[in-house]
C-alpha atoms as a PDB file:
ATOM      1  CA  UNK A   1     -17.282 -90.112-130.205  1.00  0.00           C
ATOM      2  CA  UNK A   2     -13.558 -90.408-130.682  1.00  0.00           C
ATOM      3  CA  UNK A   3     -10.976 -90.534-127.913  1.00  0.00           C
ATOM      4  CA  UNK A   4      -9.762 -87.040-128.840  1.00  0.00           C
ATOM      5  CA  UNK A   5     -13.258 -85.599-128.445  1.00  0.00           C
ATOM      6  CA  UNK A   6     -13.658 -87.382-125.101  1.00  0.00           C
ATOM      7  CA  UNK A   7     -10.335 -86.029-123.804  1.00  0.00           C
ATOM      8  CA  UNK A   8     -11.254 -82.544-125.025  1.00  0.00           C
ATOM      9  CA  UNK A   9     -14.629 -82.688-123.256  1.00  0.00           C
ATOM     10  CA  UNK A  10     -13.004 -83.927-120.031  1.00  0.00           C
ATOM     11  CA  UNK A  11     -10.392 -81.154-120.217  1.00  0.00           C
ATOM     12  CA  UNK A  12     -13.061 -78.491-120.646  1.00  0.00           C
ATOM     13  CA  UNK A  13     -15.033 -79.982-117.732  1.00  0.00           C
ATOM     14  CA  UNK A  14     -11.927 -80.039-115.499  1.00  0.00           C
ATOM     15  CA  UNK A  15     -11.061 -76.453-116.433  1.00  0.00           C
ATOM     16  CA  UNK A  16     -14.581 -75.250-115.648  1.00  0.00           C
ATOM     17  CA  UNK A  17     -14.581 -77.183-112.352  1.00  0.00           C
ATOM     18  CA  UNK A  18     -11.270 -75.654-111.249  1.00  0.00           C
ATOM     19  CA  UNK A  19     -12.447 -72.170-112.223  1.00  0.00           C
ATOM     20  CA  UNK A  20     -15.712 -72.623-110.343  1.00  0.00           C
ATOM     21  CA  UNK A  21     -13.819 -73.914-107.295  1.00  0.00           C
ATOM     22  CA  UNK A  22     -11.522 -70.866-107.324  1.00  0.00           C
ATOM     23  CA  UNK A  23     -14.505 -68.515-107.558  1.00  0.00           C
ATOM     24  CA  UNK A  24     -16.294 -70.251-104.696  1.00  0.00           C
ATOM     25  CA  UNK A  25     -13.118 -70.269-102.598  1.00  0.00           C
ATOM     26  CA  UNK A  26     -12.636 -66.553-103.216  1.00  0.00           C
ATOM     27  CA  UNK A  27     -16.258 -65.825-102.276  1.00  0.00           C
ATOM     28  CA  UNK A  28     -15.956 -67.893 -99.103  1.00  0.00           C
ATOM     29  CA  UNK A  29     -12.691 -66.173 -98.099  1.00  0.00           C
ATOM     30  CA  UNK A  30     -14.242 -62.768 -98.698  1.00  0.00           C
ATOM     31  CA  UNK A  31     -17.338 -63.741 -96.693  1.00  0.00           C
ATOM     32  CA  UNK A  32     -15.178 -65.046 -93.821  1.00  0.00           C
ATOM     33  CA  UNK A  33     -13.147 -61.823 -93.699  1.00  0.00           C
ATOM     34  CA  UNK A  34     -16.312 -59.722 -93.790  1.00  0.00           C
ATOM     35  CA  UNK A  35     -17.874 -61.803 -91.018  1.00  0.00           C
ATOM     36  CA  UNK A  36     -14.695 -61.521 -88.929  1.00  0.00           C
ATOM     37  CA  UNK A  37     -14.628 -57.757 -89.412  1.00  0.00           C
ATOM     38  CA  UNK A  38     -18.275 -57.464 -88.405  1.00  0.00           C
ATOM     39  CA  UNK A  39     -17.820 -59.613 -85.277  1.00  0.00           C
ATOM     40  CA  UNK A  40     -14.681 -57.739 -84.216  1.00  0.00           C
ATOM     41  CA  UNK A  41     -16.205 -54.328 -84.951  1.00  0.00           C
ATOM     42  CA  UNK A  42     -19.367 -55.119 -82.987  1.00  0.00           C
ATOM     43  CA  UNK A  43     -17.373 -56.323 -79.977  1.00  0.00           C
ATOM     44  CA  UNK A  44     -15.149 -53.233 -80.144  1.00  0.00           C
ATOM     45  CA  UNK A  45     -18.153 -50.907 -80.345  1.00  0.00           C
ATOM     46  CA  UNK A  46     -19.765 -52.552 -77.326  1.00  0.00           C
ATOM     47  CA  UNK A  47     -16.577 -52.102 -75.281  1.00  0.00           C
ATOM     48  CA  UNK A  48     -15.989 -48.523 -76.411  1.00  0.00           C
ATOM     49  CA  UNK A  49     -19.619 -47.522 -75.906  1.00  0.00           C
ATOM     50  CA  UNK A  50     -19.639 -48.886 -72.372  1.00  0.00           C
ATOM     51  CA  UNK A  51     -16.368 -47.191 -71.429  1.00  0.00           C
ATOM     52  CA  UNK A  52     -17.545 -43.906 -72.962  1.00  0.00           C
ATOM     53  CA  UNK A  53     -20.787 -43.857 -70.997  1.00  0.00           C
ATOM     54  CA  UNK A  54     -19.068 -44.786 -67.738  1.00  0.00           C
ATOM     55  CA  UNK A  55     -16.323 -42.206 -68.152  1.00  0.00           C
ATOM     56  CA  UNK A  56     -18.704 -39.417 -69.118  1.00  0.00           C
ATOM     57  CA  UNK A  57     -20.877 -40.133 -66.082  1.00  0.00           C
ATOM     58  CA  UNK A  58     -18.010 -40.514 -63.606  1.00  0.00           C
ATOM     59  CA  UNK A  59     -18.548 -38.572 -60.383  1.00  0.00           C
ATOM     60  CA  UNK A  60     -14.815 -38.094 -59.871  1.00  0.00           C
ATOM     61  CA  UNK A  61     -11.551 -38.365 -61.738  1.00  0.00           C
ATOM     62  CA  UNK A  62     -10.813 -41.963 -62.850  1.00  0.00           C
ATOM     63  CA  UNK A  63      -7.813 -43.520 -61.136  1.00  0.00           C
ATOM     64  CA  UNK A  64      -5.335 -46.213 -62.150  1.00  0.00           C
ATOM     65  CA  UNK A  65      -4.316 -48.649 -59.396  1.00  0.00           C
ATOM     66  CA  UNK A  66      -2.334 -51.862 -59.992  1.00  0.00           C
ATOM     67  CA  UNK A  67      -2.695 -51.463 -63.786  1.00  0.00           C
ATOM     68  CA  UNK A  68      -6.483 -51.322 -63.437  1.00  0.00           C
ATOM     69  CA  UNK A  69      -8.639 -48.450 -64.600  1.00  0.00           C
ATOM     70  CA  UNK A  70     -11.101 -47.471 -61.857  1.00  0.00           C
ATOM     71  CA  UNK A  71     -14.103 -45.338 -62.840  1.00  0.00           C
ATOM     72  CA  UNK A  72     -16.187 -44.080 -59.882  1.00  0.00           C
ATOM     73  CA  UNK A  73     -19.775 -43.928 -61.150  1.00  0.00           C
ATOM     74  CA  UNK A  74     -21.271 -43.487 -57.649  1.00  0.00           C
ATOM     75  CA  UNK A  75     -20.022 -43.016 -54.116  1.00  0.00           C
ATOM     76  CA  UNK A  76     -20.273 -46.759 -53.478  1.00  0.00           C
ATOM     77  CA  UNK A  77     -19.868 -48.103 -57.020  1.00  0.00           C
ATOM     78  CA  UNK A  78     -16.704 -48.274 -59.124  1.00  0.00           C
ATOM     79  CA  UNK A  79     -16.319 -49.846 -62.562  1.00  0.00           C
ATOM     80  CA  UNK A  80     -12.960 -51.490 -63.135  1.00  0.00           C
ATOM     81  CA  UNK A  81     -11.156 -52.471 -66.339  1.00  0.00           C
ATOM     82  CA  UNK A  82      -8.117 -54.718 -66.452  1.00  0.00           C
ATOM     83  CA  UNK A  83      -6.053 -55.685 -69.496  1.00  0.00           C
ATOM     84  CA  UNK A  84      -3.951 -58.845 -69.225  1.00  0.00           C
ATOM     85  CA  UNK A  85      -0.998 -57.929 -71.451  1.00  0.00           C
ATOM     86  CA  UNK A  86       0.483 -61.424 -71.449  1.00  0.00           C
ATOM     87  CA  UNK A  87      -2.654 -63.164 -72.710  1.00  0.00           C
ATOM     88  CA  UNK A  88      -4.127 -60.004 -74.279  1.00  0.00           C
ATOM     89  CA  UNK A  89      -7.514 -60.372 -72.624  1.00  0.00           C
ATOM     90  CA  UNK A  90      -9.715 -57.493 -71.457  1.00  0.00           C
ATOM     91  CA  UNK A  91     -11.774 -57.795 -68.274  1.00  0.00           C
ATOM     92  CA  UNK A  92     -14.478 -55.678 -66.661  1.00  0.00           C
ATOM     93  CA  UNK A  93     -15.828 -55.787 -63.151  1.00  0.00           C
ATOM     94  CA  UNK A  94     -17.185 -53.693 -60.333  1.00  0.00           C
ATOM     95  CA  UNK A  95     -16.475 -53.024 -56.697  1.00  0.00           C
ATOM     96  CA  UNK A  96     -17.660 -50.639 -53.984  1.00  0.00           C
ATOM     97  CA  UNK A  97     -15.877 -47.369 -53.303  1.00  0.00           C
ATOM     98  CA  UNK A  98     -12.801 -46.539 -55.356  1.00  0.00           C
ATOM     99  CA  UNK A  99     -10.486 -47.274 -52.399  1.00  0.00           C
ATOM    100  CA  UNK A 100     -11.984 -50.711 -51.694  1.00  0.00           C
ATOM    101  CA  UNK A 101      -9.832 -53.795 -52.379  1.00  0.00           C
ATOM    102  CA  UNK A 102      -9.675 -54.953 -55.997  1.00  0.00           C
ATOM    103  CA  UNK A 103     -11.621 -58.074 -56.950  1.00  0.00           C
ATOM    104  CA  UNK A 104      -9.645 -61.041 -58.222  1.00  0.00           C
ATOM    105  CA  UNK A 105      -9.287 -61.508 -61.965  1.00  0.00           C
ATOM    106  CA  UNK A 106     -11.505 -64.595 -61.790  1.00  0.00           C
ATOM    107  CA  UNK A 107     -14.346 -62.379 -60.533  1.00  0.00           C
ATOM    108  CA  UNK A 108     -14.055 -60.042 -63.532  1.00  0.00           C
ATOM    109  CA  UNK A 109     -16.023 -60.593 -66.737  1.00  0.00           C
ATOM    110  CA  UNK A 110     -14.065 -61.409 -69.873  1.00  0.00           C
ATOM    111  CA  UNK A 111     -15.019 -59.670 -73.093  1.00  0.00           C
ATOM    112  CA  UNK A 112     -16.000 -61.791 -76.072  1.00  0.00           C
ATOM    113  CA  UNK A 113     -12.818 -61.665 -78.108  1.00  0.00           C
ATOM    114  CA  UNK A 114     -10.679 -64.531 -79.334  1.00  0.00           C
ATOM    115  CA  UNK A 115      -7.548 -65.010 -77.260  1.00  0.00           C
ATOM    116  CA  UNK A 116      -4.916 -62.550 -78.435  1.00  0.00           C
ATOM    117  CA  UNK A 117      -7.267 -60.513 -80.631  1.00  0.00           C
ATOM    118  CA  UNK A 118      -6.724 -57.347 -78.565  1.00  0.00           C
ATOM    119  CA  UNK A 119      -3.105 -56.310 -79.030  1.00  0.00           C
ATOM    120  CA  UNK A 120      -3.207 -53.232 -76.782  1.00  0.00           C
ATOM    121  CA  UNK A 121      -5.610 -51.458 -74.456  1.00  0.00           C
ATOM    122  CA  UNK A 122      -4.318 -48.062 -73.335  1.00  0.00           C
ATOM    123  CA  UNK A 123      -5.840 -45.124 -71.506  1.00  0.00           C
ATOM    124  CA  UNK A 124      -4.455 -41.726 -70.716  1.00  0.00           C
ATOM    125  CA  UNK A 125      -5.719 -38.838 -68.637  1.00  0.00           C
ATOM    126  CA  UNK A 126      -4.850 -35.693 -70.549  1.00  0.00           C
ATOM    127  CA  UNK A 127      -5.153 -33.475 -67.463  1.00  0.00           C
ATOM    128  CA  UNK A 128      -3.545 -34.999 -64.408  1.00  0.00           C
ATOM    129  CA  UNK A 129      -3.926 -31.986 -62.119  1.00  0.00           C
ATOM    130  CA  UNK A 130      -5.843 -28.736 -61.960  1.00  0.00           C
ATOM    131  CA  UNK A 131      -2.900 -26.588 -63.094  1.00  0.00           C
ATOM    132  CA  UNK A 132      -2.390 -28.541 -66.312  1.00  0.00           C
ATOM    133  CA  UNK A 133      -6.148 -28.419 -66.908  1.00  0.00           C
ATOM    134  CA  UNK A 134      -6.215 -24.627 -66.611  1.00  0.00           C
ATOM    135  CA  UNK A 135      -3.173 -24.180 -68.852  1.00  0.00           C
ATOM    136  CA  UNK A 136      -4.426 -26.457 -71.591  1.00  0.00           C
ATOM    137  CA  UNK A 137      -7.968 -25.085 -71.328  1.00  0.00           C
ATOM    138  CA  UNK A 138      -6.695 -21.572 -71.909  1.00  0.00           C
ATOM    139  CA  UNK A 139      -4.325 -22.616 -74.689  1.00  0.00           C
ATOM    140  CA  UNK A 140      -6.490 -25.096 -76.605  1.00  0.00           C
ATOM    141  CA  UNK A 141     -10.030 -24.313 -75.464  1.00  0.00           C
ATOM    142  CA  UNK A 142     -10.500 -28.035 -75.021  1.00  0.00           C
ATOM    143  CA  UNK A 143     -12.472 -30.036 -72.484  1.00  0.00           C
ATOM    144  CA  UNK A 144     -11.185 -33.435 -73.546  1.00  0.00           C
ATOM    145  CA  UNK A 145      -9.691 -35.177 -70.551  1.00  0.00           C
ATOM    146  CA  UNK A 146      -9.446 -38.896 -71.232  1.00  0.00           C
ATOM    147  CA  UNK A 147      -8.278 -40.966 -74.173  1.00  0.00           C
ATOM    148  CA  UNK A 148      -8.898 -44.685 -74.641  1.00  0.00           C
ATOM    149  CA  UNK A 149      -7.086 -46.579 -77.384  1.00  0.00           C
ATOM    150  CA  UNK A 150      -7.433 -50.197 -78.514  1.00  0.00           C
ATOM    151  CA  UNK A 151      -5.302 -51.977 -81.092  1.00  0.00           C
ATOM    152  CA  UNK A 152      -7.216 -54.843 -82.631  1.00  0.00           C
ATOM    153  CA  UNK A 153      -6.231 -57.562 -85.063  1.00  0.00           C
ATOM    154  CA  UNK A 154      -8.871 -56.711 -87.649  1.00  0.00           C
ATOM    155  CA  UNK A 155     -10.256 -58.896 -90.484  1.00  0.00           C
ATOM    156  CA  UNK A 156      -8.674 -62.135 -89.258  1.00  0.00           C
ATOM    157  CA  UNK A 157      -8.973 -64.153 -86.046  1.00  0.00           C
ATOM    158  CA  UNK A 158      -5.824 -64.520 -83.963  1.00  0.00           C
ATOM    159  CA  UNK A 159      -6.169 -68.285 -83.605  1.00  0.00           C
ATOM    160  CA  UNK A 160      -6.104 -68.650 -87.411  1.00  0.00           C
ATOM    161  CA  UNK A 161      -2.635 -67.117 -87.720  1.00  0.00           C
ATOM    162  CA  UNK A 162       0.548 -69.118 -88.138  1.00  0.00           C
ATOM    163  CA  UNK A 163       3.067 -69.060 -85.310  1.00  0.00           C
ATOM    164  CA  UNK A 164       5.374 -66.826 -87.389  1.00  0.00           C
ATOM    165  CA  UNK A 165       2.565 -64.331 -87.952  1.00  0.00           C
ATOM    166  CA  UNK A 166       1.684 -64.310 -84.252  1.00  0.00           C
ATOM    167  CA  UNK A 167       5.282 -63.537 -83.277  1.00  0.00           C
ATOM    168  CA  UNK A 168       5.574 -60.812 -85.919  1.00  0.00           C
ATOM    169  CA  UNK A 169       2.301 -59.113 -84.957  1.00  0.00           C
ATOM    170  CA  UNK A 170       2.903 -59.212 -81.210  1.00  0.00           C
ATOM    171  CA  UNK A 171       6.429 -57.816 -81.587  1.00  0.00           C
ATOM    172  CA  UNK A 172       5.499 -54.972 -83.940  1.00  0.00           C
ATOM    173  CA  UNK A 173       1.720 -54.625 -84.374  1.00  0.00           C
ATOM    174  CA  UNK A 174       1.954 -51.264 -86.165  1.00  0.00           C
ATOM    175  CA  UNK A 175       3.779 -52.840 -89.103  1.00  0.00           C
ATOM    176  CA  UNK A 176       0.903 -55.153 -89.995  1.00  0.00           C
ATOM    177  CA  UNK A 177      -1.939 -53.666 -92.093  1.00  0.00           C
ATOM    178  CA  UNK A 178      -4.440 -56.037 -90.462  1.00  0.00           C
ATOM    179  CA  UNK A 179      -3.983 -54.252 -87.129  1.00  0.00           C
ATOM    180  CA  UNK A 180      -6.318 -51.287 -86.633  1.00  0.00           C
ATOM    181  CA  UNK A 181      -6.457 -48.703 -83.869  1.00  0.00           C
ATOM    182  CA  UNK A 182      -9.777 -47.649 -82.362  1.00  0.00           C
ATOM    183  CA  UNK A 183      -9.658 -44.668 -80.044  1.00  0.00           C
ATOM    184  CA  UNK A 184     -11.912 -42.057 -78.518  1.00  0.00           C
ATOM    185  CA  UNK A 185     -11.510 -38.814 -76.599  1.00  0.00           C
ATOM    186  CA  UNK A 186     -13.921 -38.471 -73.688  1.00  0.00           C
ATOM    187  CA  UNK A 187     -15.513 -35.358 -72.236  1.00  0.00           C
ATOM    188  CA  UNK A 188     -17.444 -35.831 -68.985  1.00  0.00           C
ATOM    189  CA  UNK A 189     -21.178 -35.135 -69.159  1.00  0.00           C
ATOM    190  CA  UNK A 190     -21.810 -34.264 -65.518  1.00  0.00           C
ATOM    191  CA  UNK A 191     -20.568 -31.211 -63.631  1.00  0.00           C
ATOM    192  CA  UNK A 192     -17.648 -32.760 -61.791  1.00  0.00           C
ATOM    193  CA  UNK A 193     -14.001 -32.135 -60.915  1.00  0.00           C
ATOM    194  CA  UNK A 194     -13.185 -30.967 -64.446  1.00  0.00           C
ATOM    195  CA  UNK A 195     -16.122 -28.807 -65.470  1.00  0.00           C
ATOM    196  CA  UNK A 196     -16.758 -27.002 -62.209  1.00  0.00           C
ATOM    197  CA  UNK A 197     -14.199 -24.359 -63.209  1.00  0.00           C
ATOM    198  CA  UNK A 198     -15.885 -23.661 -66.547  1.00  0.00           C
ATOM    199  CA  UNK A 199     -19.635 -23.898 -65.865  1.00  0.00           C
END
């Protein structure tokens, strides 16, 4: 075997090794993104499903006090959601009646998201009083009365971003294609303050 043949064989081996490494790296990156998406989607579904069930079974109109969403599910039981905008963490807890004092943040349960993964958690009551309900019901024939919206950094974990990416995403999340919005419109299931006029 001549030196030229040896160099040629080594070159072919190096080329195949680099190609194989690139393929494996691409497969691993794709797997990581898919796993991240699945983890984030499952956590989002759990949160949204819980909020949906609690809102639809509320015995009275949900109230917002001190930036906390209070959902009265019984006369002596209220579910509370709190979103820490600075650290972008979502908490859930419970207390007695809706007018009882709020529990401290340390007593609330933190949802299983990486720090910063939730970019926004917003809720809006479409019908804030009976007059607006009647007007919109007549105009739109709609019973939707609550909207919950979450903006999530999707497909990548927040702690894996560079500092420049973190600043860019937090300042303008809508400009980044990795940020997705998950929202739902809620109609209450029970006959309560909203449906008594229509049933």
